[in-house]
Amino acid sequence: MRVRLVTSVSLVRWKAKLASPRYNEVWKKAVALALPKNRDRCPKCGAKDFLRSRRKNFFEFSVSKFVLPYRCPHCYLRFFRPVEASDSENPARFHAQYGGLPHARRA
């Protein structure tokens, strides 16, 4: 009995996928998130007042040291932003922004 193992990759099929509008849209969103000037805006609608979203699964909990989920209240897009050291290590900035909330701790 002979078994034939096919390991070839169809370059025509991959080129068609790379040229698709969906791939271009995903690529543009990824580049927009990587640029420093656009990190404070929603990738879809450009709003500045997006909120933190809950982590949903094991993968999101495992990568939460590097990226955190956010959700835009205008277009409901859920996206990820890299964690910035200045956000988590500066308690004065945190208290200035969230000091009026009842669950904000005083240092």
N, C-alpha and C. Protein backbone atom coordinates (compact mmCIF):
# COMPACT_ATOMS: atom_id res chain seq x y z
N MET A 1 0.83 -1.18 0.00
CA MET A 1 0.00 0.00 0.00
C MET A 1 0.88 1.24 0.00
N ARG A 2 0.60 2.15 -0.92
CA ARG A 2 1.38 3.38 -1.02
C ARG A 2 0.57 4.54 -0.44
N VAL A 3 1.28 5.38 0.28
CA VAL A 3 0.65 6.58 0.83
C VAL A 3 1.40 7.77 0.27
N ARG A 4 0.66 8.69 -0.29
CA ARG A 4 1.29 9.87 -0.87
C ARG A 4 1.03 11.06 0.05
N LEU A 5 2.08 11.67 0.47
CA LEU A 5 1.99 12.82 1.35
C LEU A 5 2.23 14.08 0.53
N VAL A 6 1.26 14.95 0.52
CA VAL A 6 1.36 16.18 -0.26
C VAL A 6 1.81 17.30 0.68
N THR A 7 2.95 17.88 0.37
CA THR A 7 3.48 18.96 1.21
C THR A 7 3.66 20.26 0.44
N SER A 8 3.18 20.29 -0.76
CA SER A 8 3.37 21.52 -1.55
C SER A 8 2.36 22.58 -1.15
N VAL A 9 2.73 23.81 -1.35
CA VAL A 9 1.88 24.95 -1.04
C VAL A 9 1.55 25.64 -2.36
N SER A 10 0.29 25.94 -2.55
CA SER A 10 -0.14 26.60 -3.77
C SER A 10 0.10 28.11 -3.63
N LEU A 11 1.08 28.61 -4.36
CA LEU A 11 1.39 30.04 -4.29
C LEU A 11 0.29 30.89 -4.92
N VAL A 12 -0.40 30.35 -5.88
CA VAL A 12 -1.48 31.09 -6.52
C VAL A 12 -2.59 31.36 -5.50
N ARG A 13 -2.91 30.36 -4.71
CA ARG A 13 -3.96 30.52 -3.70
C ARG A 13 -3.54 31.52 -2.63
N TRP A 14 -2.28 31.49 -2.18
CA TRP A 14 -1.81 32.43 -1.16
C TRP A 14 -1.72 33.85 -1.70
N LYS A 15 -1.33 34.01 -2.95
CA LYS A 15 -1.30 35.35 -3.54
C LYS A 15 -2.70 35.94 -3.62
N ALA A 16 -3.67 35.10 -3.93
CA ALA A 16 -5.06 35.58 -3.99
C ALA A 16 -5.54 36.00 -2.61
N LYS A 17 -5.16 35.26 -1.58
CA LYS A 17 -5.56 35.64 -0.22
C LYS A 17 -4.89 36.94 0.22
N LEU A 18 -3.63 37.11 -0.11
CA LEU A 18 -2.91 38.33 0.27
C LEU A 18 -3.44 39.55 -0.45
N ALA A 19 -3.98 39.37 -1.63
CA ALA A 19 -4.51 40.49 -2.39
C ALA A 19 -5.97 40.80 -2.05
N SER A 20 -6.57 40.02 -1.18
CA SER A 20 -7.98 40.22 -0.85
C SER A 20 -8.16 41.49 -0.02
N PRO A 21 -9.31 42.14 -0.11
CA PRO A 21 -9.57 43.36 0.67
C PRO A 21 -9.60 43.10 2.16
N ARG A 22 -10.04 41.92 2.57
CA ARG A 22 -10.08 41.60 4.00
C ARG A 22 -8.68 41.59 4.60
N TYR A 23 -7.73 40.99 3.91
CA TYR A 23 -6.35 40.96 4.40
C TYR A 23 -5.79 42.37 4.47
N ASN A 24 -6.06 43.20 3.48
CA ASN A 24 -5.56 44.57 3.48
C ASN A 24 -6.14 45.36 4.65
N GLU A 25 -7.41 45.13 4.97
CA GLU A 25 -8.04 45.84 6.08
C GLU A 25 -7.41 45.42 7.41
N VAL A 26 -7.17 44.15 7.60
CA VAL A 26 -6.54 43.66 8.83
C VAL A 26 -5.12 44.21 8.94
N TRP A 27 -4.40 44.22 7.84
CA TRP A 27 -3.03 44.72 7.85
C TRP A 27 -3.00 46.21 8.20
N LYS A 28 -3.92 47.00 7.65
CA LYS A 28 -3.97 48.42 7.95
C LYS A 28 -4.28 48.68 9.41
N LYS A 29 -5.19 47.87 10.01
CA LYS A 29 -5.50 48.02 11.42
C LYS A 29 -4.30 47.69 12.29
N ALA A 30 -3.56 46.65 11.92
CA ALA A 30 -2.39 46.27 12.70
C ALA A 30 -1.32 47.36 12.64
N VAL A 31 -1.12 47.93 11.49
CA VAL A 31 -0.14 49.00 11.35
C VAL A 31 -0.60 50.24 12.11
N ALA A 32 -1.90 50.53 12.06
CA ALA A 32 -2.42 51.70 12.78
C ALA A 32 -2.24 51.55 14.28
N LEU A 33 -2.40 50.34 14.79
CA LEU A 33 -2.20 50.13 16.23
C LEU A 33 -0.74 50.21 16.63
N ALA A 34 0.15 49.86 15.70
CA ALA A 34 1.58 49.88 16.02
C ALA A 34 2.16 51.28 16.02
N LEU A 35 1.54 52.20 15.31
CA LEU A 35 2.06 53.56 15.25
C LEU A 35 1.75 54.31 16.54
N PRO A 36 2.73 55.02 17.11
CA PRO A 36 2.50 55.71 18.38
C PRO A 36 1.43 56.78 18.31
N LYS A 37 1.27 57.46 17.18
CA LYS A 37 0.31 58.56 17.11
C LYS A 37 -1.14 58.08 17.14
N ASN A 38 -1.37 56.81 16.81
CA ASN A 38 -2.74 56.31 16.75
C ASN A 38 -3.09 55.36 17.89
N ARG A 39 -2.25 55.23 18.88
CA ARG A 39 -2.53 54.30 19.97
C ARG A 39 -3.64 54.79 20.88
N ASP A 40 -3.94 56.07 20.85
CA ASP A 40 -4.98 56.58 21.73
C ASP A 40 -6.31 56.72 21.00
N ARG A 41 -6.49 56.04 19.88
CA ARG A 41 -7.73 56.12 19.10
C ARG A 41 -8.21 54.72 18.73
N CYS A 42 -9.51 54.63 18.50
CA CYS A 42 -10.11 53.38 18.02
C CYS A 42 -9.65 53.15 16.58
N PRO A 43 -9.22 51.93 16.23
CA PRO A 43 -8.76 51.68 14.86
C PRO A 43 -9.86 51.79 13.81
N LYS A 44 -11.12 51.61 14.20
CA LYS A 44 -12.20 51.62 13.22
C LYS A 44 -12.80 53.01 13.03
N CYS A 45 -13.20 53.66 14.13
CA CYS A 45 -13.91 54.93 13.99
C CYS A 45 -13.07 56.14 14.42
N GLY A 46 -11.95 55.93 15.10
CA GLY A 46 -11.09 57.03 15.49
C GLY A 46 -11.47 57.72 16.78
N ALA A 47 -12.40 57.15 17.55
CA ALA A 47 -12.82 57.77 18.82
C ALA A 47 -11.71 57.64 19.86
N LYS A 48 -11.64 58.63 20.75
CA LYS A 48 -10.60 58.63 21.78
C LYS A 48 -11.06 58.07 23.12
N ASP A 49 -12.35 57.85 23.29
CA ASP A 49 -12.86 57.47 24.60
C ASP A 49 -13.23 55.99 24.69
N PHE A 50 -12.33 55.09 24.29
CA PHE A 50 -12.59 53.67 24.41
C PHE A 50 -12.31 53.21 25.84
N LEU A 51 -12.86 52.05 26.19
CA LEU A 51 -12.79 51.55 27.56
C LEU A 51 -12.15 50.18 27.60
N ARG A 52 -11.60 49.83 28.78
CA ARG A 52 -11.03 48.50 28.94
C ARG A 52 -12.13 47.45 28.87
N SER A 53 -11.85 46.34 28.23
CA SER A 53 -12.79 45.23 28.13
C SER A 53 -12.29 44.08 29.00
N ARG A 54 -13.19 43.18 29.34
CA ARG A 54 -12.80 42.04 30.16
C ARG A 54 -12.01 41.04 29.33
N ARG A 55 -11.09 40.37 29.99
CA ARG A 55 -10.38 39.27 29.34
C ARG A 55 -11.29 38.06 29.34
N LYS A 56 -11.41 37.38 28.20
CA LYS A 56 -12.44 36.36 28.05
C LYS A 56 -11.95 34.93 28.17
N ASN A 57 -10.72 34.64 27.81
CA ASN A 57 -10.28 33.25 27.79
C ASN A 57 -8.85 33.13 28.30
N PHE A 58 -8.35 31.91 28.32
CA PHE A 58 -7.01 31.65 28.84
C PHE A 58 -5.94 32.38 28.04
N PHE A 59 -6.11 32.44 26.73
CA PHE A 59 -5.12 33.11 25.90
C PHE A 59 -5.01 34.59 26.25
N GLU A 60 -6.15 35.24 26.44
CA GLU A 60 -6.13 36.67 26.77
C GLU A 60 -5.53 36.92 28.15
N PHE A 61 -5.77 36.01 29.09
CA PHE A 61 -5.14 36.14 30.41
C PHE A 61 -3.64 35.93 30.31
N SER A 62 -3.21 35.02 29.45
CA SER A 62 -1.78 34.72 29.35
C SER A 62 -0.99 35.83 28.67
N VAL A 63 -1.61 36.58 27.75
CA VAL A 63 -0.89 37.66 27.07
C VAL A 63 -1.16 39.03 27.69
N SER A 64 -1.88 39.06 28.83
CA SER A 64 -2.25 40.34 29.41
C SER A 64 -1.06 41.10 29.99
N LYS A 65 0.07 40.48 30.10
CA LYS A 65 1.29 41.19 30.51
C LYS A 65 1.77 42.11 29.39
N PHE A 66 1.40 41.80 28.14
CA PHE A 66 1.88 42.54 26.99
C PHE A 66 0.81 43.37 26.29
N VAL A 67 -0.40 42.80 26.14
CA VAL A 67 -1.50 43.51 25.49
C VAL A 67 -2.77 43.35 26.32
N LEU A 68 -3.64 44.37 26.26
CA LEU A 68 -4.90 44.35 26.99
C LEU A 68 -6.06 44.63 26.03
N PRO A 69 -7.23 44.03 26.29
CA PRO A 69 -8.38 44.27 25.41
C PRO A 69 -9.09 45.58 25.75
N TYR A 70 -9.58 46.24 24.72
CA TYR A 70 -10.36 47.48 24.86
C TYR A 70 -11.57 47.37 23.96
N ARG A 71 -12.62 48.16 24.27
CA ARG A 71 -13.81 48.19 23.43
C ARG A 71 -14.23 49.64 23.22
N CYS A 72 -14.59 49.96 21.98
CA CYS A 72 -15.04 51.30 21.64
C CYS A 72 -16.55 51.37 21.88
N PRO A 73 -17.04 52.35 22.65
CA PRO A 73 -18.49 52.44 22.89
C PRO A 73 -19.27 52.97 21.69
N HIS A 74 -18.59 53.50 20.70
CA HIS A 74 -19.27 54.06 19.53
C HIS A 74 -19.53 53.02 18.45
N CYS A 75 -18.49 52.26 18.10
CA CYS A 75 -18.64 51.27 17.03
C CYS A 75 -18.60 49.83 17.55
N TYR A 76 -18.41 49.64 18.85
CA TYR A 76 -18.39 48.34 19.52
C TYR A 76 -17.27 47.42 19.03
N LEU A 77 -16.22 48.00 18.48
CA LEU A 77 -15.07 47.20 18.06
C LEU A 77 -14.27 46.80 19.29
N ARG A 78 -13.90 45.55 19.37
CA ARG A 78 -13.04 45.07 20.45
C ARG A 78 -11.66 44.88 19.86
N PHE A 79 -10.66 45.51 20.47
CA PHE A 79 -9.30 45.46 19.94
C PHE A 79 -8.31 45.41 21.08
N PHE A 80 -7.05 45.20 20.77
CA PHE A 80 -6.00 45.08 21.77
C PHE A 80 -5.01 46.21 21.62
N ARG A 81 -4.51 46.68 22.75
CA ARG A 81 -3.46 47.69 22.77
C ARG A 81 -2.32 47.18 23.63
N PRO A 82 -1.09 47.54 23.29
CA PRO A 82 0.03 47.13 24.13
C PRO A 82 -0.02 47.82 25.49
N VAL A 83 0.47 47.13 26.50
CA VAL A 83 0.53 47.68 27.84
C VAL A 83 1.70 48.65 27.89
N GLU A 84 1.43 49.84 28.38
CA GLU A 84 2.50 50.83 28.53
C GLU A 84 2.93 50.87 29.98
N ALA A 85 4.23 50.88 30.22
CA ALA A 85 4.75 50.86 31.59
C ALA A 85 4.33 52.11 32.35
N SER A 86 4.18 53.23 31.67
CA SER A 86 3.83 54.47 32.35
C SER A 86 2.41 54.43 32.90
N ASP A 87 1.51 53.67 32.26
CA ASP A 87 0.13 53.58 32.75
C ASP A 87 0.04 52.80 34.05
N SER A 88 0.80 51.74 34.17
CA SER A 88 0.66 50.88 35.33
C SER A 88 1.58 51.25 36.48
N GLU A 89 2.68 51.96 36.21
CA GLU A 89 3.65 52.23 37.26
C GLU A 89 3.56 53.64 37.84
N ASN A 90 2.68 54.48 37.33
CA ASN A 90 2.60 55.84 37.82
C ASN A 90 1.30 56.02 38.60
N PRO A 91 1.33 55.86 39.93
CA PRO A 91 0.09 55.98 40.69
C PRO A 91 -0.47 57.39 40.71
N ALA A 92 0.36 58.41 40.58
CA ALA A 92 -0.14 59.79 40.58
C ALA A 92 -1.02 60.02 39.36
N ARG A 93 -0.62 59.49 38.22
CA ARG A 93 -1.43 59.64 37.01
C ARG A 93 -2.75 58.88 37.15
N PHE A 94 -2.69 57.70 37.78
CA PHE A 94 -3.90 56.92 38.00
C PHE A 94 -4.87 57.67 38.90
N HIS A 95 -4.39 58.22 40.01
CA HIS A 95 -5.26 58.92 40.95
C HIS A 95 -5.79 60.22 40.35
N ALA A 96 -5.02 60.86 39.49
CA ALA A 96 -5.50 62.07 38.85
C ALA A 96 -6.66 61.76 37.90
N GLN A 97 -6.58 60.60 37.26
CA GLN A 97 -7.60 60.23 36.29
C GLN A 97 -8.81 59.56 36.95
N TYR A 98 -8.56 58.69 37.94
CA TYR A 98 -9.63 57.90 38.53
C TYR A 98 -9.82 58.16 40.03
N GLY A 99 -9.31 59.24 40.54
CA GLY A 99 -9.35 59.51 41.98
C GLY A 99 -10.75 59.69 42.53
N GLY A 100 -11.69 60.15 41.74
CA GLY A 100 -13.05 60.37 42.21
C GLY A 100 -13.89 59.12 42.32
N LEU A 101 -13.40 58.01 41.78
CA LEU A 101 -14.18 56.77 41.83
C LEU A 101 -14.10 56.16 43.22
N PRO A 102 -15.16 55.55 43.70
CA PRO A 102 -15.15 55.02 45.07
C PRO A 102 -14.21 53.83 45.26
N HIS A 103 -13.89 53.10 44.20
CA HIS A 103 -13.03 51.93 44.36
C HIS A 103 -11.55 52.25 44.12
N ALA A 104 -11.22 53.51 43.84
CA ALA A 104 -9.82 53.88 43.64
C ALA A 104 -9.13 53.93 45.00
N ARG A 105 -8.02 53.27 45.10
CA ARG A 105 -7.28 53.21 46.36
C ARG A 105 -6.34 54.39 46.47
N ARG A 106 -6.16 54.84 47.66
CA ARG A 106 -5.20 55.91 47.93
C ARG A 106 -3.90 55.29 48.39
N ALA A 107 -2.78 55.78 47.86
CA ALA A 107 -1.48 55.23 48.25
C ALA A 107 -0.93 55.95 49.47
